[in-house]
């Protein structure tokens, strides 16, 4: 599997772990409701994200073992449009998108392929999870706090186990939350990847404000075969992409 294709999926994981609108969980106990609300307030104190119709994020990546640098930009528009593009300098590596009906990918030589069948719904789950205004408690059918204390990278954390809908056949998402400031410090997620699953662990070290939204600035991603050092380079809310931005592109460049 192309390494840079993995970066597209990893971006979804990063963002899904950090963007939690301020809503109370309806199907979870009061303690979990409070944790989710505190996390939301920490990430989105002014409610700008929860009210946004779209979001675009730029990421800079370095493969730790090889020193290879790449750039990644991703855009999500309510309710379910998504596109991510990766580049090595000025050279395109791969693009991925979803227009509400079809997932597609375009590789570095311009070949376009589409995804259909059972692999679509798990990936749609991640896109819906990412979209601005998505409710954390409506994404997962159950969220469990085990009340044990964890020490991760010198951060005192609690752990949430989040269960996707059973029909998706995905294992629980594990999220570690800083007890001091309610920022997420680690995620352990198995991501659907065009018919395959890939387990990814992400450690978040520092956070910064982008347009009133607090996002991770520096983080490390561990996935099969490589370690990725990443930085958030920018974020924009309420962008207006071209009408065909999310549509299946033609082959070639």
Protein backbone atom coordinates (compact mmCIF):
# COMPACT_ATOMS: atom_id res chain seq x y z
CA UNK A 1 0.00 0.00 0.00
CA UNK A 2 1.38 3.40 -0.96
CA UNK A 3 2.75 5.21 2.09
CA UNK A 4 1.30 8.54 1.08
CA UNK A 5 -2.13 7.02 0.69
CA UNK A 6 -1.89 6.17 4.38
CA UNK A 7 -1.29 9.83 5.15
CA UNK A 8 -4.72 10.68 3.76
CA UNK A 9 -6.39 8.22 6.11
CA UNK A 10 -4.25 9.40 9.02
CA UNK A 11 -5.42 12.97 8.58
CA UNK A 12 -9.00 11.82 9.13
CA UNK A 13 -7.92 10.08 12.31
CA UNK A 14 -6.15 13.15 13.62
CA UNK A 15 -9.08 15.42 13.03
CA UNK A 16 -11.68 13.01 14.22
CA UNK A 17 -9.80 12.81 17.48
CA UNK A 18 -9.71 16.51 18.11
CA UNK A 19 -12.91 18.09 16.84
CA UNK A 20 -15.65 17.47 19.38
CA UNK A 21 -18.54 19.97 19.29
CA UNK A 22 -20.05 20.97 22.63
CA UNK A 23 -23.10 18.71 22.92
CA UNK A 24 -24.26 16.45 25.72
CA UNK A 25 -24.42 12.71 25.16
CA UNK A 26 -27.96 11.40 25.37
CA UNK A 27 -27.23 7.67 25.64
CA UNK A 28 -24.31 7.77 28.08
CA UNK A 29 -24.03 8.21 31.87
CA UNK A 30 -23.67 11.68 33.46
CA UNK A 31 -19.92 11.27 33.99
CA UNK A 32 -19.38 10.70 30.28
CA UNK A 33 -21.64 13.64 29.42
CA UNK A 34 -19.47 15.88 31.59
CA UNK A 35 -16.24 14.61 30.04
CA UNK A 36 -17.54 15.18 26.49
CA UNK A 37 -18.74 18.65 27.38
CA UNK A 38 -15.37 19.55 28.92
CA UNK A 39 -13.55 18.25 25.85
CA UNK A 40 -15.82 20.28 23.60
CA UNK A 41 -15.28 23.45 25.57
CA UNK A 42 -11.52 22.94 25.48
CA UNK A 43 -11.40 22.42 21.71
CA UNK A 44 -14.14 24.82 20.60
CA UNK A 45 -14.65 27.42 23.38
CA UNK A 46 -16.36 29.97 21.13
CA UNK A 47 -18.52 27.37 19.31
CA UNK A 48 -17.11 28.45 15.95
CA UNK A 49 -16.44 24.90 14.86
CA UNK A 50 -19.83 23.59 15.91
CA UNK A 51 -21.51 26.27 13.80
CA UNK A 52 -19.22 25.95 10.77
CA UNK A 53 -20.46 24.53 7.49
CA UNK A 54 -17.00 23.41 6.38
CA UNK A 55 -13.39 23.12 7.47
CA UNK A 56 -10.04 22.94 5.66
CA UNK A 57 -6.83 21.89 7.42
CA UNK A 58 -3.21 21.90 6.21
CA UNK A 59 -0.75 19.38 7.65
CA UNK A 60 3.04 19.06 7.29
CA UNK A 61 4.43 15.52 7.63
CA UNK A 62 7.91 14.05 8.01
CA UNK A 63 8.60 10.30 7.84
CA UNK A 64 10.91 9.92 10.83
CA UNK A 65 13.11 7.13 9.49
CA UNK A 66 13.62 8.65 6.04
CA UNK A 67 13.32 12.40 6.53
CA UNK A 68 10.83 12.62 3.64
CA UNK A 69 8.57 15.67 3.93
CA UNK A 70 5.09 15.97 2.48
CA UNK A 71 2.14 18.34 2.67
CA UNK A 72 -1.46 17.36 3.16
CA UNK A 73 -4.63 19.42 2.87
CA UNK A 74 -8.14 18.17 3.60
CA UNK A 75 -11.54 19.76 3.23
CA UNK A 76 -14.86 18.62 4.74
CA UNK A 77 -18.21 20.21 3.88
CA UNK A 78 -21.51 19.32 5.57
CA UNK A 79 -23.14 16.93 5.39
CA UNK A 80 -20.74 14.40 3.84
CA UNK A 81 -18.37 15.84 1.23
CA UNK A 82 -14.67 15.20 1.71
CA UNK A 83 -11.42 15.62 -0.20
CA UNK A 84 -7.75 15.28 0.77
CA UNK A 85 -4.69 15.97 -1.39
CA UNK A 86 -1.07 15.10 -0.61
CA UNK A 87 2.00 16.58 -2.28
CA UNK A 88 5.75 16.15 -2.16
CA UNK A 89 6.86 19.73 -2.75
CA UNK A 90 5.06 20.73 -5.95
CA UNK A 91 4.42 17.16 -7.07
CA UNK A 92 1.01 15.56 -6.39
CA UNK A 93 1.15 12.20 -4.64
CA UNK A 94 -2.46 11.20 -4.22
CA UNK A 95 -5.97 12.60 -3.86
CA UNK A 96 -9.00 11.08 -2.16
CA UNK A 97 -12.59 12.23 -2.10
CA UNK A 98 -16.24 11.51 -1.41
CA UNK A 99 -19.09 13.33 -3.14
CA UNK A 100 -21.84 11.91 -0.94
CA UNK A 101 -22.23 8.80 -3.09
CA UNK A 102 -18.85 7.62 -4.38
CA UNK A 103 -15.44 7.33 -2.76
CA UNK A 104 -12.59 7.80 -5.19
CA UNK A 105 -8.81 8.00 -5.31
CA UNK A 106 -6.36 9.38 -7.85
CA UNK A 107 -2.74 8.26 -7.66
CA UNK A 108 0.50 9.98 -8.62
CA UNK A 109 0.30 8.82 -12.26
CA UNK A 110 -3.26 10.08 -12.67
CA UNK A 111 -5.13 6.77 -12.47
CA UNK A 112 -8.59 7.09 -10.90
CA UNK A 113 -10.43 4.30 -9.08
CA UNK A 114 -13.73 4.14 -7.22
CA UNK A 115 -14.88 2.29 -4.13
CA UNK A 116 -18.19 0.48 -3.82
CA UNK A 117 -19.60 -2.37 -1.78
CA UNK A 118 -19.16 -3.13 1.94
CA UNK A 119 -16.09 -0.92 2.31
CA UNK A 120 -18.07 2.30 1.75
CA UNK A 121 -20.02 2.54 5.00
CA UNK A 122 -17.04 2.35 7.40
CA UNK A 123 -15.33 5.14 5.45
CA UNK A 124 -18.55 7.17 5.37
CA UNK A 125 -18.56 6.80 9.17
CA UNK A 126 -15.20 8.59 9.36
CA UNK A 127 -16.31 11.35 7.00
CA UNK A 128 -19.50 11.96 8.98
CA UNK A 129 -17.48 11.97 12.20
CA UNK A 130 -15.21 14.67 10.84
CA UNK A 131 -17.78 17.08 9.47
CA UNK A 132 -18.27 20.35 11.39
CA UNK A 133 -21.16 20.16 13.81
CA UNK A 134 -21.11 16.37 14.04
CA UNK A 135 -22.21 15.17 17.48
CA UNK A 136 -19.76 12.83 19.18
CA UNK A 137 -22.51 10.99 21.04
CA UNK A 138 -24.45 10.35 17.83
CA UNK A 139 -21.44 8.89 16.06
CA UNK A 140 -20.78 6.17 18.63
CA UNK A 141 -23.47 3.93 20.09
CA UNK A 142 -21.76 3.86 23.49
CA UNK A 143 -18.90 5.63 25.27
CA UNK A 144 -17.36 4.09 28.40
CA UNK A 145 -15.08 5.70 31.00
CA UNK A 146 -13.31 3.09 33.11
CA UNK A 147 -12.17 5.62 35.81
CA UNK A 148 -8.59 4.34 35.88
CA UNK A 149 -5.78 6.91 35.75
CA UNK A 150 -3.15 6.75 33.00
CA UNK A 151 0.25 8.44 32.59
CA UNK A 152 1.10 9.16 28.94
CA UNK A 153 4.10 11.29 27.92
CA UNK A 154 3.99 13.00 31.35
CA UNK A 155 0.28 13.82 30.97
CA UNK A 156 -2.26 12.57 33.53
CA UNK A 157 -5.07 11.07 31.46
CA UNK A 158 -8.37 9.25 31.57
CA UNK A 159 -9.46 6.76 28.93
CA UNK A 160 -12.67 6.62 26.89
CA UNK A 161 -13.69 3.54 24.95
CA UNK A 162 -15.96 4.54 22.05
CA UNK A 163 -18.03 1.93 20.21
CA UNK A 164 -18.93 2.45 16.52
CA UNK A 165 -22.23 1.01 15.22
CA UNK A 166 -21.90 -2.80 15.16
CA UNK A 167 -22.80 -3.12 11.48
CA UNK A 168 -19.53 -1.36 10.61
CA UNK A 169 -17.53 -4.19 12.19
CA UNK A 170 -14.95 -1.78 13.59
CA UNK A 171 -13.29 -2.27 16.99
CA UNK A 172 -13.74 0.44 19.65
CA UNK A 173 -11.87 3.72 19.34
CA UNK A 174 -9.66 4.39 22.39
CA UNK A 175 -9.18 8.04 23.36
CA UNK A 176 -6.97 9.31 26.20
CA UNK A 177 -7.92 12.73 27.57
CA UNK A 178 -5.76 15.09 29.64
CA UNK A 179 -7.32 15.46 33.10
CA UNK A 180 -5.83 18.95 33.50
CA UNK A 181 -7.12 20.69 30.36
CA UNK A 182 -9.37 18.13 28.57
CA UNK A 183 -7.23 18.01 25.42
CA UNK A 184 -6.84 14.64 23.74
CA UNK A 185 -3.36 13.17 24.26
CA UNK A 186 -3.61 9.83 22.46
CA UNK A 187 -5.93 7.99 20.09
CA UNK A 188 -5.85 4.30 19.21
CA UNK A 189 -8.02 3.76 16.15
CA UNK A 190 -8.53 1.05 13.59
CA UNK A 191 -9.32 2.85 10.34
CA UNK A 192 -11.09 1.38 7.31
CA UNK A 193 -8.95 1.82 4.23
CA UNK A 194 -10.69 0.80 0.98
CA UNK A 195 -11.55 -2.69 2.19
CA UNK A 196 -8.73 -3.12 4.73
CA UNK A 197 -8.30 -2.08 8.35
CA UNK A 198 -5.22 -0.33 9.72
CA UNK A 199 -4.48 0.29 13.39
CA UNK A 200 -3.00 3.71 14.10
CA UNK A 201 -1.79 5.25 17.37
CA UNK A 202 -1.40 9.03 17.56
CA UNK A 203 0.23 10.99 20.41
CA UNK A 204 -0.65 14.70 20.68
CA UNK A 205 1.92 16.91 22.42
CA UNK A 206 1.08 20.59 22.02
CA UNK A 207 -2.05 22.55 21.07
CA UNK A 208 -2.55 25.99 19.52
CA UNK A 209 -5.41 28.32 18.58
CA UNK A 210 -6.52 28.49 14.95
CA UNK A 211 -9.34 30.96 14.40
CA UNK A 212 -10.70 30.38 17.89
CA UNK A 213 -10.44 26.58 17.66
CA UNK A 214 -7.74 24.74 19.63
CA UNK A 215 -6.02 22.10 17.51
CA UNK A 216 -2.95 19.91 18.04
CA UNK A 217 0.17 21.63 16.74
CA UNK A 218 2.67 18.79 17.09
CA UNK A 219 1.89 15.09 17.14
CA UNK A 220 3.41 11.72 16.26
CA UNK A 221 1.58 9.01 14.34
CA UNK A 222 2.56 5.36 14.64
CA UNK A 223 1.23 3.06 11.93
CA UNK A 224 2.42 -0.23 10.41
CA UNK A 225 5.81 0.29 8.85
CA UNK A 226 6.55 3.90 9.76
CA UNK A 227 6.44 6.71 12.29
CA UNK A 228 5.20 10.11 11.15
CA UNK A 229 6.00 13.47 12.75
CA UNK A 230 3.23 15.96 11.94
CA UNK A 231 2.46 19.64 12.44
CA UNK A 232 -0.73 21.58 11.81
CA UNK A 233 0.15 24.36 9.37
CA UNK A 234 -3.24 26.08 9.15
CA UNK A 235 -7.01 25.84 9.43
CA UNK A 236 -9.91 27.65 7.79
CA UNK A 237 -13.63 27.48 8.55
CA UNK A 238 -16.56 28.05 6.19
CA UNK A 239 -14.59 27.64 2.98
CA UNK A 240 -16.45 27.48 -0.35
CA UNK A 241 -14.81 25.00 -2.73
CA UNK A 242 -15.72 24.90 -6.42
CA UNK A 243 -18.90 23.02 -7.29
CA UNK A 244 -16.98 20.05 -8.75
CA UNK A 245 -14.26 19.92 -6.08
CA UNK A 246 -15.55 16.67 -4.54
CA UNK A 247 -16.62 14.96 -7.76
CA UNK A 248 -14.78 12.01 -9.28
CA UNK A 249 -11.95 13.59 -11.32
CA UNK A 250 -10.90 12.52 -14.82
CA UNK A 251 -7.82 10.34 -15.24
CA UNK A 252 -4.50 12.00 -16.01
CA UNK A 253 -3.17 15.45 -15.12
